[in-house]
Amino acid sequence: MNFRKHKAFTLLEILVALSIVAIILSSAFILDFDYIFKKNAQNSKMELQSRVLLGIVEQTVNSQKAVVTIGLPKKCFGADIEIGSGGRVLSSGKITCNQRNYFVSNSGQVYEDK
């Protein structure tokens, strides 16, 4: 058996270790959690906005009931939104989606409440 005289790492072992460290560090930059959370919050706002506008269009064009209640998206909490005949938002209040507060105006626009 051939033994090495010096107890040191070979060049191949050093390159493998450096490549593993580089992969770990680069994956940490890819997983930017702030960006992911901001994107989820923006998607929740867009989903809420689209539900409100769809309800307004439905009540404006073909109102079957005097008042329609619009449910909130899954990650949103607060009172349901009521839209009257003609497309006016009757109940506008604070809605929380992904730790962000939103406000729905009487015209159906969703604003971030600061």
C-alpha atoms as a PDB file:
ATOM      1  CA  MET A   1       0.000   0.000   0.000  1.00  0.00           C
ATOM      2  CA  ASN A   2       1.210   3.441  -0.898  1.00  0.00           C
ATOM      3  CA  PHE A   3       0.714   6.040   1.854  1.00  0.00           C
ATOM      4  CA  ARG A   4       1.172   9.777   1.512  1.00  0.00           C
ATOM      5  CA  LYS A   5       3.899  11.324   3.614  1.00  0.00           C
ATOM      6  CA  HIS A   6       2.091  14.625   4.191  1.00  0.00           C
ATOM      7  CA  LYS A   7      -1.393  14.786   5.657  1.00  0.00           C
ATOM      8  CA  ALA A   8      -2.969  17.327   3.332  1.00  0.00           C
ATOM      9  CA  PHE A   9      -5.883  17.570   0.939  1.00  0.00           C
ATOM     10  CA  THR A  10      -5.368  16.864  -2.719  1.00  0.00           C
ATOM     11  CA  LEU A  11      -6.211  19.395  -5.376  1.00  0.00           C
ATOM     12  CA  LEU A  12      -9.283  17.411  -6.410  1.00  0.00           C
ATOM     13  CA  GLU A  13     -10.643  17.360  -2.846  1.00  0.00           C
ATOM     14  CA  ILE A  14     -10.157  21.115  -2.502  1.00  0.00           C
ATOM     15  CA  LEU A  15     -11.942  21.785  -5.806  1.00  0.00           C
ATOM     16  CA  VAL A  16     -14.880  19.583  -4.819  1.00  0.00           C
ATOM     17  CA  ALA A  17     -15.193  21.346  -1.446  1.00  0.00           C
ATOM     18  CA  LEU A  18     -15.041  24.798  -3.078  1.00  0.00           C
ATOM     19  CA  SER A  19     -17.670  23.857  -5.645  1.00  0.00           C
ATOM     20  CA  ILE A  20     -20.009  22.603  -2.899  1.00  0.00           C
ATOM     21  CA  VAL A  21     -19.564  25.839  -0.953  1.00  0.00           C
ATOM     22  CA  ALA A  22     -20.191  27.880  -4.129  1.00  0.00           C
ATOM     23  CA  ILE A  23     -23.414  25.978  -4.844  1.00  0.00           C
ATOM     24  CA  ILE A  24     -24.677  26.543  -1.298  1.00  0.00           C
ATOM     25  CA  LEU A  25     -23.886  30.269  -1.402  1.00  0.00           C
ATOM     26  CA  SER A  26     -25.438  30.804  -4.824  1.00  0.00           C
ATOM     27  CA  SER A  27     -28.627  28.983  -3.821  1.00  0.00           C
ATOM     28  CA  ALA A  28     -28.952  31.284  -0.809  1.00  0.00           C
ATOM     29  CA  PHE A  29     -29.054  34.299  -3.129  1.00  0.00           C
ATOM     30  CA  ILE A  30     -31.643  32.646  -5.369  1.00  0.00           C
ATOM     31  CA  LEU A  31     -33.981  32.017  -2.430  1.00  0.00           C
ATOM     32  CA  ASP A  32     -34.671  35.649  -1.633  1.00  0.00           C
ATOM     33  CA  PHE A  33     -37.600  35.254   0.729  1.00  0.00           C
ATOM     34  CA  ASP A  34     -38.453  38.966   0.769  1.00  0.00           C
ATOM     35  CA  TYR A  35     -39.018  38.851  -2.979  1.00  0.00           C
ATOM     36  CA  ILE A  36     -41.192  35.745  -2.650  1.00  0.00           C
ATOM     37  CA  PHE A  37     -43.329  37.331   0.090  1.00  0.00           C
ATOM     38  CA  LYS A  38     -43.720  40.570  -1.875  1.00  0.00           C
ATOM     39  CA  LYS A  39     -44.800  38.619  -4.945  1.00  0.00           C
ATOM     40  CA  ASN A  40     -47.366  36.640  -2.910  1.00  0.00           C
ATOM     41  CA  ALA A  41     -48.744  39.853  -1.435  1.00  0.00           C
ATOM     42  CA  GLN A  42     -49.014  41.398  -4.897  1.00  0.00           C
ATOM     43  CA  ASN A  43     -50.831  38.286  -6.172  1.00  0.00           C
ATOM     44  CA  SER A  44     -53.291  38.462  -3.269  1.00  0.00           C
ATOM     45  CA  LYS A  45     -54.013  42.114  -4.030  1.00  0.00           C
ATOM     46  CA  MET A  46     -54.561  41.348  -7.712  1.00  0.00           C
ATOM     47  CA  GLU A  47     -56.865  38.433  -6.908  1.00  0.00           C
ATOM     48  CA  LEU A  48     -58.877  40.604  -4.514  1.00  0.00           C
ATOM     49  CA  GLN A  49     -59.070  43.395  -7.106  1.00  0.00           C
ATOM     50  CA  SER A  50     -60.232  41.006  -9.829  1.00  0.00           C
ATOM     51  CA  ARG A  51     -62.940  39.511  -7.609  1.00  0.00           C
ATOM     52  CA  VAL A  52     -64.285  42.954  -6.725  1.00  0.00           C
ATOM     53  CA  LEU A  53     -64.258  44.174 -10.321  1.00  0.00           C
ATOM     54  CA  LEU A  54     -65.931  40.989 -11.547  1.00  0.00           C
ATOM     55  CA  GLY A  55     -68.679  41.482  -8.971  1.00  0.00           C
ATOM     56  CA  ILE A  56     -69.107  45.111 -10.023  1.00  0.00           C
ATOM     57  CA  VAL A  57     -69.422  44.157 -13.683  1.00  0.00           C
ATOM     58  CA  GLU A  58     -71.907  41.422 -12.826  1.00  0.00           C
ATOM     59  CA  GLN A  59     -74.059  43.801 -10.794  1.00  0.00           C
ATOM     60  CA  THR A  60     -73.846  46.553 -13.401  1.00  0.00           C
ATOM     61  CA  VAL A  61     -74.685  44.462 -16.450  1.00  0.00           C
ATOM     62  CA  ASN A  62     -77.042  41.799 -15.128  1.00  0.00           C
ATOM     63  CA  SER A  63     -78.069  42.217 -11.512  1.00  0.00           C
ATOM     64  CA  GLN A  64     -80.082  39.219 -10.307  1.00  0.00           C
ATOM     65  CA  LYS A  65     -80.098  40.363  -6.675  1.00  0.00           C
ATOM     66  CA  ALA A  66     -80.139  43.752  -5.024  1.00  0.00           C
ATOM     67  CA  VAL A  67     -76.939  42.997  -3.085  1.00  0.00           C
ATOM     68  CA  VAL A  68     -74.231  40.423  -3.899  1.00  0.00           C
ATOM     69  CA  THR A  69     -71.627  39.347  -1.356  1.00  0.00           C
ATOM     70  CA  ILE A  70     -68.134  38.707  -2.705  1.00  0.00           C
ATOM     71  CA  GLY A  71     -65.968  36.222  -0.828  1.00  0.00           C
ATOM     72  CA  LEU A  72     -62.349  36.967  -0.071  1.00  0.00           C
ATOM     73  CA  PRO A  73     -59.354  35.004  -1.404  1.00  0.00           C
ATOM     74  CA  LYS A  74     -57.926  32.204   0.758  1.00  0.00           C
ATOM     75  CA  LYS A  75     -55.177  34.189   2.468  1.00  0.00           C
ATOM     76  CA  CYS A  76     -57.327  37.241   3.145  1.00  0.00           C
ATOM     77  CA  PHE A  77     -59.255  38.025   6.317  1.00  0.00           C
ATOM     78  CA  GLY A  78     -61.890  40.607   7.041  1.00  0.00           C
ATOM     79  CA  ALA A  79     -65.525  41.333   6.277  1.00  0.00           C
ATOM     80  CA  ASP A  80     -66.951  40.143   2.980  1.00  0.00           C
ATOM     81  CA  ILE A  81     -67.517  42.789   0.337  1.00  0.00           C
ATOM     82  CA  GLU A  82     -71.090  43.685  -0.585  1.00  0.00           C
ATOM     83  CA  ILE A  83     -71.855  45.136  -4.000  1.00  0.00           C
ATOM     84  CA  GLY A  84     -75.211  46.722  -4.682  1.00  0.00           C
ATOM     85  CA  SER A  85     -77.236  46.863  -7.844  1.00  0.00           C
ATOM     86  CA  GLY A  86     -75.599  49.272 -10.252  1.00  0.00           C
ATOM     87  CA  GLY A  87     -72.090  48.263  -9.213  1.00  0.00           C
ATOM     88  CA  ARG A  88     -71.502  50.390  -6.116  1.00  0.00           C
ATOM     89  CA  VAL A  89     -69.523  48.817  -3.286  1.00  0.00           C
ATOM     90  CA  LEU A  90     -71.723  49.088  -0.206  1.00  0.00           C
ATOM     91  CA  SER A  91     -69.469  47.693   2.490  1.00  0.00           C
ATOM     92  CA  SER A  92     -65.904  48.817   2.245  1.00  0.00           C
ATOM     93  CA  GLY A  93     -63.536  48.077   5.052  1.00  0.00           C
ATOM     94  CA  LYS A  94     -60.109  46.840   5.984  1.00  0.00           C
ATOM     95  CA  ILE A  95     -59.009  43.510   4.577  1.00  0.00           C
ATOM     96  CA  THR A  96     -55.775  41.780   5.597  1.00  0.00           C
ATOM     97  CA  CYS A  97     -53.907  39.672   3.043  1.00  0.00           C
ATOM     98  CA  ASN A  98     -50.440  38.244   3.826  1.00  0.00           C
ATOM     99  CA  GLN A  99     -49.879  40.651   6.749  1.00  0.00           C
ATOM    100  CA  ARG A 100     -50.788  43.667   4.595  1.00  0.00           C
ATOM    101  CA  ASN A 101     -53.890  45.790   5.077  1.00  0.00           C
ATOM    102  CA  TYR A 102     -56.017  46.783   2.111  1.00  0.00           C
ATOM    103  CA  PHE A 103     -58.978  49.098   1.737  1.00  0.00           C
ATOM    104  CA  VAL A 104     -61.714  48.737  -0.890  1.00  0.00           C
ATOM    105  CA  SER A 105     -63.199  52.029  -2.045  1.00  0.00           C
ATOM    106  CA  ASN A 106     -66.830  52.598  -3.068  1.00  0.00           C
ATOM    107  CA  SER A 107     -65.807  52.455  -6.722  1.00  0.00           C
ATOM    108  CA  GLY A 108     -64.160  49.038  -6.254  1.00  0.00           C
ATOM    109  CA  GLN A 109     -60.496  50.006  -6.243  1.00  0.00           C
ATOM    110  CA  VAL A 110     -58.226  48.145  -3.826  1.00  0.00           C
ATOM    111  CA  TYR A 111     -55.711  50.372  -2.039  1.00  0.00           C
ATOM    112  CA  GLU A 112     -52.983  49.450   0.385  1.00  0.00           C
ATOM    113  CA  ASP A 113     -53.905  50.893   3.773  1.00  0.00           C
ATOM    114  CA  LYS A 114     -50.864  52.440   5.439  1.00  0.00           C
END
